[in-house]
């Protein structure tokens, strides 16, 4: 009986040793994974910070639509980067979301109301944005219609013949009428200087 208990204890001790060996191997593996993760994190954080700066510069150089909203998004990204309670993966996801939103602006048509400095006076206008190709505005009384000139980086008035087209484009963007062919001034692609 005593020999039987000794055999059982020996078998149990062998079993526990194997468990301990396995746990030690798992600890070594987990520590190795943590070290690799720390190295990846050290590499991805600067990339994420650069991505935010690139997005900010892109907005500055892009057609000036919804600037407050777009700049606020960049500001929020900078704030979350400094928050320790947000995981790196969540920070990365939010940066990618911001890039997807910016990419989406290239494919849609939008009408929105805002304010524009015209001849030194702040006027409420209706903006019509067609992707990143055309950004036009029109005063609510339709007395003035203009566009953003990408070359001069200035708002310029459009000839009268475009007023009805911009009005029609605003109605299309607001889904008040079915889409139709719009005749709007679009700058031809040029050589990057």
C-alpha atoms as a PDB file:
ATOM      1  CA  UNK A   1       0.000   0.000   0.000  1.00  0.00           C
ATOM      2  CA  UNK A   2       2.768   2.465   0.869  1.00  0.00           C
ATOM      3  CA  UNK A   3       4.617   1.490  -2.322  1.00  0.00           C
ATOM      4  CA  UNK A   4       1.462   2.109  -4.285  1.00  0.00           C
ATOM      5  CA  UNK A   5       1.134   5.603  -2.781  1.00  0.00           C
ATOM      6  CA  UNK A   6       4.800   6.311  -3.543  1.00  0.00           C
ATOM      7  CA  UNK A   7       4.271   5.213  -7.176  1.00  0.00           C
ATOM      8  CA  UNK A   8       1.207   7.441  -7.461  1.00  0.00           C
ATOM      9  CA  UNK A   9       3.057  10.419  -5.936  1.00  0.00           C
ATOM     10  CA  UNK A  10       5.985   9.836  -8.276  1.00  0.00           C
ATOM     11  CA  UNK A  11       3.627   9.715 -11.271  1.00  0.00           C
ATOM     12  CA  UNK A  12       1.850  12.833 -10.032  1.00  0.00           C
ATOM     13  CA  UNK A  13       5.151  14.675  -9.510  1.00  0.00           C
ATOM     14  CA  UNK A  14       6.252  13.716 -13.045  1.00  0.00           C
ATOM     15  CA  UNK A  15       2.946  15.036 -14.373  1.00  0.00           C
ATOM     16  CA  UNK A  16       3.287  18.338 -12.458  1.00  0.00           C
ATOM     17  CA  UNK A  17       6.886  18.739 -13.716  1.00  0.00           C
ATOM     18  CA  UNK A  18       5.690  18.341 -17.310  1.00  0.00           C
ATOM     19  CA  UNK A  19       2.978  20.962 -16.662  1.00  0.00           C
ATOM     20  CA  UNK A  20       5.560  23.328 -15.172  1.00  0.00           C
ATOM     21  CA  UNK A  21       7.902  22.756 -18.140  1.00  0.00           C
ATOM     22  CA  UNK A  22       5.029  23.455 -20.544  1.00  0.00           C
ATOM     23  CA  UNK A  23       4.032  26.611 -18.648  1.00  0.00           C
ATOM     24  CA  UNK A  24       7.637  27.842 -18.641  1.00  0.00           C
ATOM     25  CA  UNK A  25       7.827  27.265 -22.410  1.00  0.00           C
ATOM     26  CA  UNK A  26       4.551  29.197 -22.832  1.00  0.00           C
ATOM     27  CA  UNK A  27       5.917  32.051 -20.683  1.00  0.00           C
ATOM     28  CA  UNK A  28       9.054  32.209 -22.844  1.00  0.00           C
ATOM     29  CA  UNK A  29       6.889  32.207 -25.999  1.00  0.00           C
ATOM     30  CA  UNK A  30       4.579  34.933 -24.642  1.00  0.00           C
ATOM     31  CA  UNK A  31       7.561  37.065 -23.578  1.00  0.00           C
ATOM     32  CA  UNK A  32       9.000  36.689 -27.081  1.00  0.00           C
ATOM     33  CA  UNK A  33       5.680  37.727 -28.601  1.00  0.00           C
ATOM     34  CA  UNK A  34       5.520  40.747 -26.272  1.00  0.00           C
ATOM     35  CA  UNK A  35       9.009  41.799 -27.330  1.00  0.00           C
ATOM     36  CA  UNK A  36       8.032  41.487 -31.013  1.00  0.00           C
ATOM     37  CA  UNK A  37       4.839  43.455 -30.352  1.00  0.00           C
ATOM     38  CA  UNK A  38       6.812  46.193 -28.603  1.00  0.00           C
ATOM     39  CA  UNK A  39       9.155  46.400 -31.606  1.00  0.00           C
ATOM     40  CA  UNK A  40       6.194  46.584 -34.013  1.00  0.00           C
ATOM     41  CA  UNK A  41       4.528  49.211 -31.836  1.00  0.00           C
ATOM     42  CA  UNK A  42       7.732  51.291 -31.801  1.00  0.00           C
ATOM     43  CA  UNK A  43       7.712  51.139 -35.587  1.00  0.00           C
ATOM     44  CA  UNK A  44       4.012  51.742 -36.196  1.00  0.00           C
ATOM     45  CA  UNK A  45       3.551  54.715 -33.851  1.00  0.00           C
ATOM     46  CA  UNK A  46       5.861  57.003 -35.887  1.00  0.00           C
ATOM     47  CA  UNK A  47       4.109  55.791 -39.051  1.00  0.00           C
ATOM     48  CA  UNK A  48       0.733  56.696 -37.538  1.00  0.00           C
ATOM     49  CA  UNK A  49       1.982  60.144 -36.507  1.00  0.00           C
ATOM     50  CA  UNK A  50       3.356  60.708 -40.021  1.00  0.00           C
ATOM     51  CA  UNK A  51       0.011  59.610 -41.482  1.00  0.00           C
ATOM     52  CA  UNK A  52      -1.805  62.243 -39.427  1.00  0.00           C
ATOM     53  CA  UNK A  53       0.634  64.949 -40.550  1.00  0.00           C
ATOM     54  CA  UNK A  54       0.274  63.846 -44.180  1.00  0.00           C
ATOM     55  CA  UNK A  55      -3.509  63.974 -43.904  1.00  0.00           C
ATOM     56  CA  UNK A  56      -3.326  67.477 -42.430  1.00  0.00           C
ATOM     57  CA  UNK A  57      -1.057  68.699 -45.241  1.00  0.00           C
ATOM     58  CA  UNK A  58      -3.301  67.056 -47.837  1.00  0.00           C
ATOM     59  CA  UNK A  59      -6.312  68.941 -46.472  1.00  0.00           C
ATOM     60  CA  UNK A  60      -4.348  72.199 -46.591  1.00  0.00           C
ATOM     61  CA  UNK A  61      -3.451  71.621 -50.249  1.00  0.00           C
ATOM     62  CA  UNK A  62      -6.842  70.228 -51.301  1.00  0.00           C
ATOM     63  CA  UNK A  63      -9.922  72.034 -52.540  1.00  0.00           C
ATOM     64  CA  UNK A  64     -11.176  74.010 -49.480  1.00  0.00           C
ATOM     65  CA  UNK A  65     -14.452  72.274 -48.688  1.00  0.00           C
ATOM     66  CA  UNK A  66     -15.766  71.467 -45.200  1.00  0.00           C
ATOM     67  CA  UNK A  67     -12.455  72.675 -43.770  1.00  0.00           C
ATOM     68  CA  UNK A  68     -13.643  72.985 -40.168  1.00  0.00           C
ATOM     69  CA  UNK A  69     -14.992  69.425 -40.131  1.00  0.00           C
ATOM     70  CA  UNK A  70     -11.915  67.969 -41.823  1.00  0.00           C
ATOM     71  CA  UNK A  71      -9.439  69.892 -39.630  1.00  0.00           C
ATOM     72  CA  UNK A  72     -11.400  68.889 -36.499  1.00  0.00           C
ATOM     73  CA  UNK A  73     -11.005  65.232 -37.529  1.00  0.00           C
ATOM     74  CA  UNK A  74      -7.219  65.683 -37.704  1.00  0.00           C
ATOM     75  CA  UNK A  75      -7.217  67.443 -34.330  1.00  0.00           C
ATOM     76  CA  UNK A  76      -9.149  64.523 -32.793  1.00  0.00           C
ATOM     77  CA  UNK A  77      -6.591  62.093 -34.213  1.00  0.00           C
ATOM     78  CA  UNK A  78      -3.753  64.071 -32.628  1.00  0.00           C
ATOM     79  CA  UNK A  79      -5.571  64.064 -29.287  1.00  0.00           C
ATOM     80  CA  UNK A  80      -6.207  60.297 -29.267  1.00  0.00           C
ATOM     81  CA  UNK A  81      -2.561  59.608 -30.075  1.00  0.00           C
ATOM     82  CA  UNK A  82      -1.683  61.109 -26.673  1.00  0.00           C
ATOM     83  CA  UNK A  83      -4.292  59.137 -24.728  1.00  0.00           C
ATOM     84  CA  UNK A  84      -2.950  56.068 -22.967  1.00  0.00           C
ATOM     85  CA  UNK A  85      -6.374  54.506 -22.419  1.00  0.00           C
ATOM     86  CA  UNK A  86      -6.857  54.007 -26.179  1.00  0.00           C
ATOM     87  CA  UNK A  87      -5.169  50.966 -27.691  1.00  0.00           C
ATOM     88  CA  UNK A  88      -2.743  51.254 -30.580  1.00  0.00           C
ATOM     89  CA  UNK A  89      -5.092  49.193 -32.740  1.00  0.00           C
ATOM     90  CA  UNK A  90      -7.994  51.587 -32.023  1.00  0.00           C
ATOM     91  CA  UNK A  91      -5.802  54.586 -32.849  1.00  0.00           C
ATOM     92  CA  UNK A  92      -4.805  52.928 -36.106  1.00  0.00           C
ATOM     93  CA  UNK A  93      -8.459  52.148 -36.923  1.00  0.00           C
ATOM     94  CA  UNK A  94      -9.473  55.770 -36.399  1.00  0.00           C
ATOM     95  CA  UNK A  95      -6.655  57.000 -38.645  1.00  0.00           C
ATOM     96  CA  UNK A  96      -7.745  54.568 -41.361  1.00  0.00           C
ATOM     97  CA  UNK A  97     -11.359  55.738 -40.940  1.00  0.00           C
ATOM     98  CA  UNK A  98     -10.246  59.341 -41.489  1.00  0.00           C
ATOM     99  CA  UNK A  99      -8.430  58.313 -44.665  1.00  0.00           C
ATOM    100  CA  UNK A 100     -11.515  56.446 -45.900  1.00  0.00           C
ATOM    101  CA  UNK A 101     -13.674  59.513 -45.303  1.00  0.00           C
ATOM    102  CA  UNK A 102     -11.220  61.649 -47.286  1.00  0.00           C
ATOM    103  CA  UNK A 103     -11.162  59.077 -50.081  1.00  0.00           C
ATOM    104  CA  UNK A 104     -14.961  59.066 -50.142  1.00  0.00           C
ATOM    105  CA  UNK A 105     -14.990  62.781 -50.908  1.00  0.00           C
ATOM    106  CA  UNK A 106     -13.482  61.987 -54.314  1.00  0.00           C
ATOM    107  CA  UNK A 107     -16.503  59.955 -55.394  1.00  0.00           C
ATOM    108  CA  UNK A 108     -19.559  61.925 -54.340  1.00  0.00           C
ATOM    109  CA  UNK A 109     -21.544  65.062 -55.017  1.00  0.00           C
ATOM    110  CA  UNK A 110     -22.533  67.290 -52.142  1.00  0.00           C
ATOM    111  CA  UNK A 111     -24.371  70.535 -51.480  1.00  0.00           C
ATOM    112  CA  UNK A 112     -23.982  72.402 -48.229  1.00  0.00           C
ATOM    113  CA  UNK A 113     -24.422  75.904 -46.875  1.00  0.00           C
ATOM    114  CA  UNK A 114     -21.559  77.925 -45.489  1.00  0.00           C
ATOM    115  CA  UNK A 115     -20.016  81.351 -45.400  1.00  0.00           C
ATOM    116  CA  UNK A 116     -17.622  82.896 -47.885  1.00  0.00           C
ATOM    117  CA  UNK A 117     -15.750  86.186 -47.947  1.00  0.00           C
ATOM    118  CA  UNK A 118     -16.843  87.956 -51.139  1.00  0.00           C
ATOM    119  CA  UNK A 119     -15.315  91.389 -51.729  1.00  0.00           C
ATOM    120  CA  UNK A 120     -14.449  91.757 -48.049  1.00  0.00           C
ATOM    121  CA  UNK A 121     -17.920  90.821 -46.814  1.00  0.00           C
ATOM    122  CA  UNK A 122     -18.975  87.518 -45.252  1.00  0.00           C
ATOM    123  CA  UNK A 123     -21.867  86.054 -47.286  1.00  0.00           C
ATOM    124  CA  UNK A 124     -23.927  82.930 -46.781  1.00  0.00           C
ATOM    125  CA  UNK A 125     -23.632  80.772 -49.890  1.00  0.00           C
ATOM    126  CA  UNK A 126     -24.578  77.334 -51.124  1.00  0.00           C
ATOM    127  CA  UNK A 127     -21.569  75.221 -52.060  1.00  0.00           C
ATOM    128  CA  UNK A 128     -21.678  72.500 -54.697  1.00  0.00           C
ATOM    129  CA  UNK A 129     -18.843  69.990 -54.589  1.00  0.00           C
ATOM    130  CA  UNK A 130     -18.427  67.354 -57.250  1.00  0.00           C
ATOM    131  CA  UNK A 131     -15.758  65.005 -55.983  1.00  0.00           C
ATOM    132  CA  UNK A 132     -12.509  66.887 -55.847  1.00  0.00           C
ATOM    133  CA  UNK A 133     -13.015  68.061 -59.405  1.00  0.00           C
ATOM    134  CA  UNK A 134     -15.245  71.062 -58.938  1.00  0.00           C
ATOM    135  CA  UNK A 135     -16.166  73.323 -56.031  1.00  0.00           C
ATOM    136  CA  UNK A 136     -18.623  76.070 -56.865  1.00  0.00           C
ATOM    137  CA  UNK A 137     -20.756  78.430 -54.832  1.00  0.00           C
ATOM    138  CA  UNK A 138     -23.886  80.422 -55.353  1.00  0.00           C
ATOM    139  CA  UNK A 139     -25.556  83.068 -53.228  1.00  0.00           C
ATOM    140  CA  UNK A 140     -29.129  82.173 -52.175  1.00  0.00           C
ATOM    141  CA  UNK A 141     -30.507  84.933 -54.433  1.00  0.00           C
ATOM    142  CA  UNK A 142     -28.444  83.452 -57.314  1.00  0.00           C
ATOM    143  CA  UNK A 143     -26.951  86.873 -58.058  1.00  0.00           C
ATOM    144  CA  UNK A 144     -23.433  85.553 -57.763  1.00  0.00           C
ATOM    145  CA  UNK A 145     -21.961  82.231 -58.771  1.00  0.00           C
ATOM    146  CA  UNK A 146     -18.298  81.322 -58.548  1.00  0.00           C
ATOM    147  CA  UNK A 147     -15.755  78.532 -58.271  1.00  0.00           C
ATOM    148  CA  UNK A 148     -12.505  77.641 -56.540  1.00  0.00           C
ATOM    149  CA  UNK A 149      -9.622  78.082 -58.944  1.00  0.00           C
ATOM    150  CA  UNK A 150      -7.078  75.387 -58.102  1.00  0.00           C
ATOM    151  CA  UNK A 151      -4.245  77.209 -59.850  1.00  0.00           C
ATOM    152  CA  UNK A 152      -4.659  80.601 -58.198  1.00  0.00           C
ATOM    153  CA  UNK A 153      -6.127  79.222 -54.940  1.00  0.00           C
ATOM    154  CA  UNK A 154      -8.774  81.927 -55.099  1.00  0.00           C
ATOM    155  CA  UNK A 155     -12.528  82.101 -55.456  1.00  0.00           C
ATOM    156  CA  UNK A 156     -13.487  83.518 -58.844  1.00  0.00           C
ATOM    157  CA  UNK A 157     -16.846  84.575 -60.214  1.00  0.00           C
ATOM    158  CA  UNK A 158     -18.309  82.473 -63.022  1.00  0.00           C
ATOM    159  CA  UNK A 159     -19.942  83.880 -66.133  1.00  0.00           C
ATOM    160  CA  UNK A 160     -23.732  84.188 -65.937  1.00  0.00           C
ATOM    161  CA  UNK A 161     -24.242  81.216 -68.270  1.00  0.00           C
ATOM    162  CA  UNK A 162     -23.175  78.845 -65.453  1.00  0.00           C
ATOM    163  CA  UNK A 163     -25.689  80.083 -62.846  1.00  0.00           C
ATOM    164  CA  UNK A 164     -28.491  77.752 -63.934  1.00  0.00           C
ATOM    165  CA  UNK A 165     -26.099  74.807 -64.116  1.00  0.00           C
ATOM    166  CA  UNK A 166     -24.873  75.395 -60.567  1.00  0.00           C
ATOM    167  CA  UNK A 167     -28.476  75.811 -59.395  1.00  0.00           C
ATOM    168  CA  UNK A 168     -29.370  72.525 -61.102  1.00  0.00           C
ATOM    169  CA  UNK A 169     -26.287  70.841 -59.585  1.00  0.00           C
ATOM    170  CA  UNK A 170     -27.301  72.008 -56.107  1.00  0.00           C
ATOM    171  CA  UNK A 171     -30.758  70.518 -56.639  1.00  0.00           C
ATOM    172  CA  UNK A 172     -29.256  67.219 -57.839  1.00  0.00           C
ATOM    173  CA  UNK A 173     -26.905  67.063 -54.837  1.00  0.00           C
ATOM    174  CA  UNK A 174     -29.834  67.686 -52.482  1.00  0.00           C
ATOM    175  CA  UNK A 175     -31.787  64.919 -54.261  1.00  0.00           C
ATOM    176  CA  UNK A 176     -34.523  67.367 -55.238  1.00  0.00           C
ATOM    177  CA  UNK A 177     -34.293  66.352 -58.908  1.00  0.00           C
ATOM    178  CA  UNK A 178     -32.940  63.342 -60.754  1.00  0.00           C
ATOM    179  CA  UNK A 179     -29.316  63.519 -61.858  1.00  0.00           C
ATOM    180  CA  UNK A 180     -28.720  64.998 -65.257  1.00  0.00           C
ATOM    181  CA  UNK A 181     -25.749  66.138 -67.286  1.00  0.00           C
ATOM    182  CA  UNK A 182     -24.277  69.274 -65.712  1.00  0.00           C
ATOM    183  CA  UNK A 183     -22.209  71.811 -67.583  1.00  0.00           C
ATOM    184  CA  UNK A 184     -19.683  73.202 -65.133  1.00  0.00           C
ATOM    185  CA  UNK A 185     -16.198  74.630 -65.513  1.00  0.00           C
ATOM    186  CA  UNK A 186     -13.599  71.984 -64.729  1.00  0.00           C
ATOM    187  CA  UNK A 187      -9.912  72.638 -64.922  1.00  0.00           C
ATOM    188  CA  UNK A 188      -7.949  70.298 -67.143  1.00  0.00           C
ATOM    189  CA  UNK A 189      -5.185  68.304 -65.494  1.00  0.00           C
ATOM    190  CA  UNK A 190      -1.896  70.104 -65.689  1.00  0.00           C
ATOM    191  CA  UNK A 191       1.729  69.521 -64.967  1.00  0.00           C
ATOM    192  CA  UNK A 192       2.655  69.480 -61.295  1.00  0.00           C
ATOM    193  CA  UNK A 193       5.128  72.250 -60.558  1.00  0.00           C
END
